[in-house]
Amino acid sequence: MSQRLVQTCIGLEVKAILTEAHGKVKEIVAAHRPSLEELAQRLLKKEVVERPELQAILKVVNIDRAKEKKSVAPSRQSPEKGIGRD
C-alpha cells in the first residue's frame, strides 16, 4: 500500500470513530438535558456548586460511585456496590 492510501484509510477510520462518538455524546446530553440545564442555571447564579448540591441535581447519592456502577456489568454487580452505598 502506498503511504497516501494508508493515510486516507487512517483518516477515514478516525472520522468514523469521531462521528460515532459525537452521536453518542449527543444522545447522552439529550437524555440528561433537564439536569444539565438546572446545573447551568445554578452555576450562573452561584458560580460554584458543592458536591451535595451537584448530587441532588444529578440525582445520585455518590458521584464517585456512579461512574463505577456504569462500568460494572449488572449481572456481576452485588447490592453492596450500588450508588451511594458506602
PDB file of N, CA and C in Angstrom:
ATOM      1  N   MET A   1       0.829  -1.178   0.000  1.00  0.00           N
ATOM      2  CA  MET A   1       0.000   0.000   0.000  1.00  0.00           C
ATOM      3  C   MET A   1       0.870   1.237   0.000  1.00  0.00           C
ATOM      4  N   SER A   2       0.387   2.243  -0.702  1.00  0.00           N
ATOM      5  CA  SER A   2       1.137   3.489  -0.721  1.00  0.00           C
ATOM      6  C   SER A   2       0.870   4.269   0.564  1.00  0.00           C
ATOM      7  N   GLN A   3       1.768   5.179   0.844  1.00  0.00           N
ATOM      8  CA  GLN A   3       1.636   5.975   2.057  1.00  0.00           C
ATOM      9  C   GLN A   3       0.355   6.815   2.017  1.00  0.00           C
ATOM     10  N   ARG A   4       0.033   7.349   0.865  1.00  0.00           N
ATOM     11  CA  ARG A   4      -1.170   8.163   0.723  1.00  0.00           C
ATOM     12  C   ARG A   4      -2.424   7.332   0.995  1.00  0.00           C
ATOM     13  N   LEU A   5      -2.460   6.102   0.528  1.00  0.00           N
ATOM     14  CA  LEU A   5      -3.604   5.229   0.746  1.00  0.00           C
ATOM     15  C   LEU A   5      -3.751   4.897   2.235  1.00  0.00           C
ATOM     16  N   VAL A   6      -2.631   4.645   2.883  1.00  0.00           N
ATOM     17  CA  VAL A   6      -2.655   4.365   4.321  1.00  0.00           C
ATOM     18  C   VAL A   6      -3.175   5.591   5.080  1.00  0.00           C
ATOM     19  N   GLN A   7      -2.704   6.771   4.715  1.00  0.00           N
ATOM     20  CA  GLN A   7      -3.168   7.999   5.359  1.00  0.00           C
ATOM     21  C   GLN A   7      -4.672   8.189   5.155  1.00  0.00           C
ATOM     22  N   THR A   8      -5.140   7.908   3.956  1.00  0.00           N
ATOM     23  CA  THR A   8      -6.568   8.039   3.664  1.00  0.00           C
ATOM     24  C   THR A   8      -7.383   7.057   4.489  1.00  0.00           C
ATOM     25  N   CYS A   9      -6.928   5.810   4.575  1.00  0.00           N
ATOM     26  CA  CYS A   9      -7.631   4.795   5.370  1.00  0.00           C
ATOM     27  C   CYS A   9      -7.671   5.189   6.843  1.00  0.00           C
ATOM     28  N   ILE A  10      -6.556   5.654   7.356  1.00  0.00           N
ATOM     29  CA  ILE A  10      -6.496   6.078   8.756  1.00  0.00           C
ATOM     30  C   ILE A  10      -7.421   7.268   8.973  1.00  0.00           C
ATOM     31  N   GLY A  11      -7.383   8.216   8.069  1.00  0.00           N
ATOM     32  CA  GLY A  11      -8.239   9.391   8.171  1.00  0.00           C
ATOM     33  C   GLY A  11      -9.714   9.027   8.177  1.00  0.00           C
ATOM     34  N   LEU A  12     -10.106   8.098   7.321  1.00  0.00           N
ATOM     35  CA  LEU A  12     -11.497   7.657   7.266  1.00  0.00           C
ATOM     36  C   LEU A  12     -11.904   6.932   8.549  1.00  0.00           C
ATOM     37  N   GLU A  13     -11.016   6.122   9.081  1.00  0.00           N
ATOM     38  CA  GLU A  13     -11.308   5.403  10.322  1.00  0.00           C
ATOM     39  C   GLU A  13     -11.445   6.374  11.492  1.00  0.00           C
ATOM     40  N   VAL A  14     -10.558   7.349  11.572  1.00  0.00           N
ATOM     41  CA  VAL A  14     -10.631   8.362  12.629  1.00  0.00           C
ATOM     42  C   VAL A  14     -11.945   9.132  12.514  1.00  0.00           C
ATOM     43  N   LYS A  15     -12.312   9.505  11.292  1.00  0.00           N
ATOM     44  CA  LYS A  15     -13.565  10.227  11.082  1.00  0.00           C
ATOM     45  C   LYS A  15     -14.760   9.386  11.530  1.00  0.00           C
ATOM     46  N   ALA A  16     -14.754   8.103  11.217  1.00  0.00           N
ATOM     47  CA  ALA A  16     -15.855   7.215  11.625  1.00  0.00           C
ATOM     48  C   ALA A  16     -15.945   7.107  13.146  1.00  0.00           C
ATOM     49  N   ILE A  17     -14.804   6.992  13.797  1.00  0.00           N
ATOM     50  CA  ILE A  17     -14.772   6.904  15.260  1.00  0.00           C
ATOM     51  C   ILE A  17     -15.308   8.187  15.881  1.00  0.00           C
ATOM     52  N   LEU A  18     -14.856   9.331  15.372  1.00  0.00           N
ATOM     53  CA  LEU A  18     -15.307  10.612  15.905  1.00  0.00           C
ATOM     54  C   LEU A  18     -16.791  10.843  15.646  1.00  0.00           C
ATOM     55  N   THR A  19     -17.275  10.434  14.489  1.00  0.00           N
ATOM     56  CA  THR A  19     -18.693  10.584  14.167  1.00  0.00           C
ATOM     57  C   THR A  19     -19.543   9.744  15.111  1.00  0.00           C
ATOM     58  N   GLU A  20     -19.111   8.516  15.373  1.00  0.00           N
ATOM     59  CA  GLU A  20     -19.839   7.649  16.298  1.00  0.00           C
ATOM     60  C   GLU A  20     -19.825   8.233  17.709  1.00  0.00           C
ATOM     61  N   ALA A  21     -18.668   8.705  18.159  1.00  0.00           N
ATOM     62  CA  ALA A  21     -18.557   9.282  19.498  1.00  0.00           C
ATOM     63  C   ALA A  21     -19.434  10.533  19.614  1.00  0.00           C
ATOM     64  N   HIS A  22     -19.450  11.345  18.580  1.00  0.00           N
ATOM     65  CA  HIS A  22     -20.274  12.557  18.579  1.00  0.00           C
ATOM     66  C   HIS A  22     -21.748  12.191  18.717  1.00  0.00           C
ATOM     67  N   GLY A  23     -22.177  11.171  18.013  1.00  0.00           N
ATOM     68  CA  GLY A  23     -23.564  10.721  18.109  1.00  0.00           C
ATOM     69  C   GLY A  23     -23.912  10.245  19.514  1.00  0.00           C
ATOM     70  N   LYS A  24     -23.002   9.485  20.127  1.00  0.00           N
ATOM     71  CA  LYS A  24     -23.232   9.008  21.490  1.00  0.00           C
ATOM     72  C   LYS A  24     -23.317  10.162  22.481  1.00  0.00           C
ATOM     73  N   VAL A  25     -22.437  11.135  22.329  1.00  0.00           N
ATOM     74  CA  VAL A  25     -22.438  12.296  23.218  1.00  0.00           C
ATOM     75  C   VAL A  25     -23.745  13.068  23.077  1.00  0.00           C
ATOM     76  N   LYS A  26     -24.222  13.242  21.856  1.00  0.00           N
ATOM     77  CA  LYS A  26     -25.487  13.947  21.646  1.00  0.00           C
ATOM     78  C   LYS A  26     -26.645  13.218  22.327  1.00  0.00           C
ATOM     79  N   GLU A  27     -26.642  11.892  22.258  1.00  0.00           N
ATOM     80  CA  GLU A  27     -27.681  11.100  22.925  1.00  0.00           C
ATOM     81  C   GLU A  27     -27.619  11.272  24.442  1.00  0.00           C
ATOM     82  N   ILE A  28     -26.418  11.222  24.993  1.00  0.00           N
ATOM     83  CA  ILE A  28     -26.239  11.355  26.438  1.00  0.00           C
ATOM     84  C   ILE A  28     -26.680  12.738  26.905  1.00  0.00           C
ATOM     85  N   VAL A  29     -26.258  13.770  26.193  1.00  0.00           N
ATOM     86  CA  VAL A  29     -26.638  15.136  26.566  1.00  0.00           C
ATOM     87  C   VAL A  29     -28.152  15.309  26.465  1.00  0.00           C
ATOM     88  N   ALA A  30     -28.752  14.786  25.409  1.00  0.00           N
ATOM     89  CA  ALA A  30     -30.208  14.899  25.249  1.00  0.00           C
ATOM     90  C   ALA A  30     -30.940  14.178  26.382  1.00  0.00           C
ATOM     91  N   ALA A  31     -30.441  13.016  26.775  1.00  0.00           N
ATOM     92  CA  ALA A  31     -31.076  12.244  27.839  1.00  0.00           C
ATOM     93  C   ALA A  31     -30.991  12.942  29.191  1.00  0.00           C
ATOM     94  N   HIS A  32     -29.946  13.716  29.399  1.00  0.00           N
ATOM     95  CA  HIS A  32     -29.716  14.378  30.685  1.00  0.00           C
ATOM     96  C   HIS A  32     -29.910  15.892  30.612  1.00  0.00           C
ATOM     97  N   ARG A  33     -30.567  16.345  29.576  1.00  0.00           N
ATOM     98  CA  ARG A  33     -30.735  17.779  29.339  1.00  0.00           C
ATOM     99  C   ARG A  33     -31.343  18.530  30.531  1.00  0.00           C
ATOM    100  N   PRO A  34     -32.420  18.041  31.134  1.00  0.00           N
ATOM    101  CA  PRO A  34     -33.003  18.789  32.258  1.00  0.00           C
ATOM    102  C   PRO A  34     -32.008  19.009  33.409  1.00  0.00           C
ATOM    103  N   SER A  35     -31.268  17.982  33.768  1.00  0.00           N
ATOM    104  CA  SER A  35     -30.280  18.114  34.849  1.00  0.00           C
ATOM    105  C   SER A  35     -29.174  19.082  34.455  1.00  0.00           C
ATOM    106  N   LEU A  36     -28.738  19.010  33.203  1.00  0.00           N
ATOM    107  CA  LEU A  36     -27.679  19.907  32.734  1.00  0.00           C
ATOM    108  C   LEU A  36     -28.148  21.353  32.704  1.00  0.00           C
ATOM    109  N   GLU A  37     -29.406  21.574  32.312  1.00  0.00           N
ATOM    110  CA  GLU A  37     -29.979  22.929  32.317  1.00  0.00           C
ATOM    111  C   GLU A  37     -30.041  23.474  33.744  1.00  0.00           C
ATOM    112  N   GLU A  38     -30.492  22.639  34.681  1.00  0.00           N
ATOM    113  CA  GLU A  38     -30.564  23.058  36.080  1.00  0.00           C
ATOM    114  C   GLU A  38     -29.175  23.392  36.619  1.00  0.00           C
ATOM    115  N   LEU A  39     -28.197  22.550  36.297  1.00  0.00           N
ATOM    116  CA  LEU A  39     -26.819  22.798  36.733  1.00  0.00           C
ATOM    117  C   LEU A  39     -26.293  24.099  36.139  1.00  0.00           C
ATOM    118  N   ALA A  40     -26.552  24.329  34.881  1.00  0.00           N
ATOM    119  CA  ALA A  40     -26.095  25.558  34.226  1.00  0.00           C
ATOM    120  C   ALA A  40     -26.697  26.791  34.904  1.00  0.00           C
ATOM    121  N   GLN A  41     -27.995  26.743  35.221  1.00  0.00           N
ATOM    122  CA  GLN A  41     -28.647  27.875  35.880  1.00  0.00           C
ATOM    123  C   GLN A  41     -28.057  28.126  37.269  1.00  0.00           C
ATOM    124  N   ARG A  42     -27.804  27.060  38.015  1.00  0.00           N
ATOM    125  CA  ARG A  42     -27.215  27.230  39.357  1.00  0.00           C
ATOM    126  C   ARG A  42     -25.810  27.818  39.255  1.00  0.00           C
ATOM    127  N   LEU A  43     -25.043  27.357  38.266  1.00  0.00           N
ATOM    128  CA  LEU A  43     -23.681  27.878  38.104  1.00  0.00           C
ATOM    129  C   LEU A  43     -23.694  29.348  37.692  1.00  0.00           C
ATOM    130  N   LEU A  44     -24.658  29.741  36.888  1.00  0.00           N
ATOM    131  CA  LEU A  44     -24.760  31.153  36.508  1.00  0.00           C
ATOM    132  C   LEU A  44     -25.078  32.025  37.721  1.00  0.00           C
ATOM    133  N   LYS A  45     -25.869  31.497  38.647  1.00  0.00           N
ATOM    134  CA  LYS A  45     -26.245  32.253  39.843  1.00  0.00           C
ATOM    135  C   LYS A  45     -25.140  32.250  40.895  1.00  0.00           C
ATOM    136  N   LYS A  46     -24.525  31.086  41.130  1.00  0.00           N
ATOM    137  CA  LYS A  46     -23.616  30.922  42.260  1.00  0.00           C
ATOM    138  C   LYS A  46     -22.149  30.767  41.879  1.00  0.00           C
ATOM    139  N   GLU A  47     -21.856  30.362  40.657  1.00  0.00           N
ATOM    140  CA  GLU A  47     -20.515  30.098  40.149  1.00  0.00           C
ATOM    141  C   GLU A  47     -19.866  28.845  40.719  1.00  0.00           C
ATOM    142  N   VAL A  48     -20.293  28.410  41.886  1.00  0.00           N
ATOM    143  CA  VAL A  48     -19.733  27.201  42.497  1.00  0.00           C
ATOM    144  C   VAL A  48     -20.897  26.344  42.987  1.00  0.00           C
ATOM    145  N   VAL A  49     -20.825  25.061  42.701  1.00  0.00           N
ATOM    146  CA  VAL A  49     -21.825  24.117  43.195  1.00  0.00           C
ATOM    147  C   VAL A  49     -21.073  23.056  43.984  1.00  0.00           C
ATOM    148  N   GLU A  50     -21.411  22.954  45.253  1.00  0.00           N
ATOM    149  CA  GLU A  50     -20.757  21.965  46.111  1.00  0.00           C
ATOM    150  C   GLU A  50     -21.287  20.566  45.809  1.00  0.00           C
ATOM    151  N   ARG A  51     -20.536  19.563  46.215  1.00  0.00           N
ATOM    152  CA  ARG A  51     -20.863  18.168  45.938  1.00  0.00           C
ATOM    153  C   ARG A  51     -22.302  17.780  46.299  1.00  0.00           C
ATOM    154  N   PRO A  52     -22.795  18.094  47.499  1.00  0.00           N
ATOM    155  CA  PRO A  52     -24.162  17.670  47.835  1.00  0.00           C
ATOM    156  C   PRO A  52     -25.213  18.254  46.875  1.00  0.00           C
ATOM    157  N   GLU A  53     -25.032  19.509  46.511  1.00  0.00           N
ATOM    158  CA  GLU A  53     -25.964  20.143  45.587  1.00  0.00           C
ATOM    159  C   GLU A  53     -25.861  19.521  44.195  1.00  0.00           C
ATOM    160  N   LEU A  54     -24.642  19.231  43.758  1.00  0.00           N
ATOM    161  CA  LEU A  54     -24.440  18.586  42.461  1.00  0.00           C
ATOM    162  C   LEU A  54     -25.078  17.199  42.449  1.00  0.00           C
ATOM    163  N   GLN A  55     -24.905  16.464  43.535  1.00  0.00           N
ATOM    164  CA  GLN A  55     -25.511  15.139  43.635  1.00  0.00           C
ATOM    165  C   GLN A  55     -27.033  15.225  43.574  1.00  0.00           C
ATOM    166  N   ALA A  56     -27.597  16.246  44.194  1.00  0.00           N
ATOM    167  CA  ALA A  56     -29.052  16.420  44.156  1.00  0.00           C
ATOM    168  C   ALA A  56     -29.522  16.740  42.739  1.00  0.00           C
ATOM    169  N   ILE A  57     -28.784  17.595  42.045  1.00  0.00           N
ATOM    170  CA  ILE A  57     -29.152  17.955  40.675  1.00  0.00           C
ATOM    171  C   ILE A  57     -29.066  16.736  39.770  1.00  0.00           C
ATOM    172  N   LEU A  58     -27.988  15.979  39.907  1.00  0.00           N
ATOM    173  CA  LEU A  58     -27.772  14.817  39.042  1.00  0.00           C
ATOM    174  C   LEU A  58     -28.523  13.585  39.520  1.00  0.00           C
ATOM    175  N   LYS A  59     -29.163  13.701  40.674  1.00  0.00           N
ATOM    176  CA  LYS A  59     -29.965  12.616  41.253  1.00  0.00           C
ATOM    177  C   LYS A  59     -29.142  11.359  41.530  1.00  0.00           C
ATOM    178  N   VAL A  60     -27.954  11.576  42.068  1.00  0.00           N
ATOM    179  CA  VAL A  60     -27.108  10.461  42.518  1.00  0.00           C
ATOM    180  C   VAL A  60     -26.715  10.737  43.959  1.00  0.00           C
ATOM    181  N   VAL A  61     -26.475   9.687  44.698  1.00  0.00           N
ATOM    182  CA  VAL A  61     -26.093   9.844  46.094  1.00  0.00           C
ATOM    183  C   VAL A  61     -24.589   9.997  46.226  1.00  0.00           C
ATOM    184  N   ASN A  62     -23.848   9.323  45.375  1.00  0.00           N
ATOM    185  CA  ASN A  62     -22.395   9.365  45.450  1.00  0.00           C
ATOM    186  C   ASN A  62     -21.837   9.453  44.039  1.00  0.00           C
ATOM    187  N   ILE A  63     -21.345  10.611  43.658  1.00  0.00           N
ATOM    188  CA  ILE A  63     -20.841  10.843  42.303  1.00  0.00           C
ATOM    189  C   ILE A  63     -19.700   9.899  41.962  1.00  0.00           C
ATOM    190  N   ASP A  64     -18.787   9.675  42.909  1.00  0.00           N
ATOM    191  CA  ASP A  64     -17.639   8.810  42.641  1.00  0.00           C
ATOM    192  C   ASP A  64     -18.071   7.392  42.280  1.00  0.00           C
ATOM    193  N   ARG A  65     -19.100   6.902  42.934  1.00  0.00           N
ATOM    194  CA  ARG A  65     -19.558   5.535  42.709  1.00  0.00           C
ATOM    195  C   ARG A  65     -20.444   5.420  41.470  1.00  0.00           C
ATOM    196  N   ALA A  66     -21.033   6.532  41.005  1.00  0.00           N
ATOM    197  CA  ALA A  66     -21.923   6.494  39.838  1.00  0.00           C
ATOM    198  C   ALA A  66     -21.173   6.000  38.612  1.00  0.00           C
ATOM    199  N   LYS A  67     -19.953   6.463  38.436  1.00  0.00           N
ATOM    200  CA  LYS A  67     -19.157   6.039  37.289  1.00  0.00           C
ATOM    201  C   LYS A  67     -18.780   4.563  37.417  1.00  0.00           C
ATOM    202  N   GLU A  68     -18.418   4.155  38.619  1.00  0.00           N
ATOM    203  CA  GLU A  68     -18.074   2.747  38.847  1.00  0.00           C
ATOM    204  C   GLU A  68     -19.246   1.839  38.514  1.00  0.00           C
ATOM    205  N   LYS A  69     -20.439   2.243  38.906  1.00  0.00           N
ATOM    206  CA  LYS A  69     -21.620   1.417  38.675  1.00  0.00           C
ATOM    207  C   LYS A  69     -21.844   1.183  37.187  1.00  0.00           C
ATOM    208  N   LYS A  70     -21.643   2.203  36.387  1.00  0.00           N
ATOM    209  CA  LYS A  70     -21.848   2.076  34.947  1.00  0.00           C
ATOM    210  C   LYS A  70     -20.842   1.124  34.309  1.00  0.00           C
ATOM    211  N   SER A  71     -19.658   1.011  34.891  1.00  0.00           N
ATOM    212  CA  SER A  71     -18.637   0.164  34.294  1.00  0.00           C
ATOM    213  C   SER A  71     -18.744  -1.296  34.716  1.00  0.00           C
ATOM    214  N   VAL A  72     -19.569  -1.576  35.726  1.00  0.00           N
ATOM    215  CA  VAL A  72     -19.746  -2.948  36.210  1.00  0.00           C
ATOM    216  C   VAL A  72     -20.968  -3.548  35.530  1.00  0.00           C
ATOM    217  N   ALA A  73     -20.815  -4.745  34.987  1.00  0.00           N
ATOM    218  CA  ALA A  73     -21.946  -5.418  34.346  1.00  0.00           C
ATOM    219  C   ALA A  73     -23.021  -5.697  35.380  1.00  0.00           C
ATOM    220  N   PRO A  74     -24.300  -5.452  35.052  1.00  0.00           N
ATOM    221  CA  PRO A  74     -25.372  -5.646  36.037  1.00  0.00           C
ATOM    222  C   PRO A  74     -25.406  -7.049  36.637  1.00  0.00           C
ATOM    223  N   SER A  75     -25.097  -8.075  35.870  1.00  0.00           N
ATOM    224  CA  SER A  75     -25.158  -9.432  36.392  1.00  0.00           C
ATOM    225  C   SER A  75     -24.057  -9.710  37.411  1.00  0.00           C
ATOM    226  N   ARG A  76     -22.971  -8.941  37.367  1.00  0.00           N
ATOM    227  CA  ARG A  76     -21.864  -9.157  38.283  1.00  0.00           C
ATOM    228  C   ARG A  76     -21.901  -8.187  39.450  1.00  0.00           C
ATOM    229  N   GLN A  77     -22.817  -7.233  39.441  1.00  0.00           N
ATOM    230  CA  GLN A  77     -22.870  -6.222  40.475  1.00  0.00           C
ATOM    231  C   GLN A  77     -23.651  -6.728  41.677  1.00  0.00           C
ATOM    232  N   SER A  78     -23.038  -6.628  42.833  1.00  0.00           N
ATOM    233  CA  SER A  78     -23.722  -7.041  44.059  1.00  0.00           C
ATOM    234  C   SER A  78     -24.487  -5.854  44.620  1.00  0.00           C
ATOM    235  N   PRO A  79     -25.465  -6.080  45.481  1.00  0.00           N
ATOM    236  CA  PRO A  79     -26.233  -4.978  46.062  1.00  0.00           C
ATOM    237  C   PRO A  79     -25.366  -3.988  46.819  1.00  0.00           C
ATOM    238  N   GLU A  80     -24.243  -4.437  47.391  1.00  0.00           N
ATOM    239  CA  GLU A  80     -23.386  -3.550  48.141  1.00  0.00           C
ATOM    240  C   GLU A  80     -22.663  -2.539  47.254  1.00  0.00           C
ATOM    241  N   LYS A  81     -22.644  -2.759  45.939  1.00  0.00           N
ATOM    242  CA  LYS A  81     -21.899  -1.891  45.046  1.00  0.00           C
ATOM    243  C   LYS A  81     -22.761  -0.803  44.409  1.00  0.00           C
ATOM    244  N   GLY A  82     -23.984  -0.615  44.859  1.00  0.00           N
ATOM    245  CA  GLY A  82     -24.876   0.381  44.271  1.00  0.00           C
ATOM    246  C   GLY A  82     -24.413   1.792  44.577  1.00  0.00           C
ATOM    247  N   ILE A  83     -24.979   2.750  43.889  1.00  0.00           N
ATOM    248  CA  ILE A  83     -24.631   4.146  44.094  1.00  0.00           C
ATOM    249  C   ILE A  83     -25.017   4.545  45.504  1.00  0.00           C
ATOM    250  N   GLY A  84     -24.065   5.180  46.181  1.00  0.00           N
ATOM    251  CA  GLY A  84     -24.332   5.736  47.495  1.00  0.00           C
ATOM    252  C   GLY A  84     -24.229   4.744  48.641  1.00  0.00           C
ATOM    253  N   ARG A  85     -23.911   3.531  48.387  1.00  0.00           N
ATOM    254  CA  ARG A  85     -23.757   2.566  49.482  1.00  0.00           C
ATOM    255  C   ARG A  85     -22.297   2.496  49.864  1.00  0.00           C
ATOM    256  N   ASP A  86     -21.976   3.148  50.924  1.00  0.00           N
ATOM    257  CA  ASP A  86     -20.569   3.199  51.359  1.00  0.00           C
ATOM    258  C   ASP A  86     -20.316   2.313  52.531  1.00  0.00           C
TER     259      ASP A  86
END
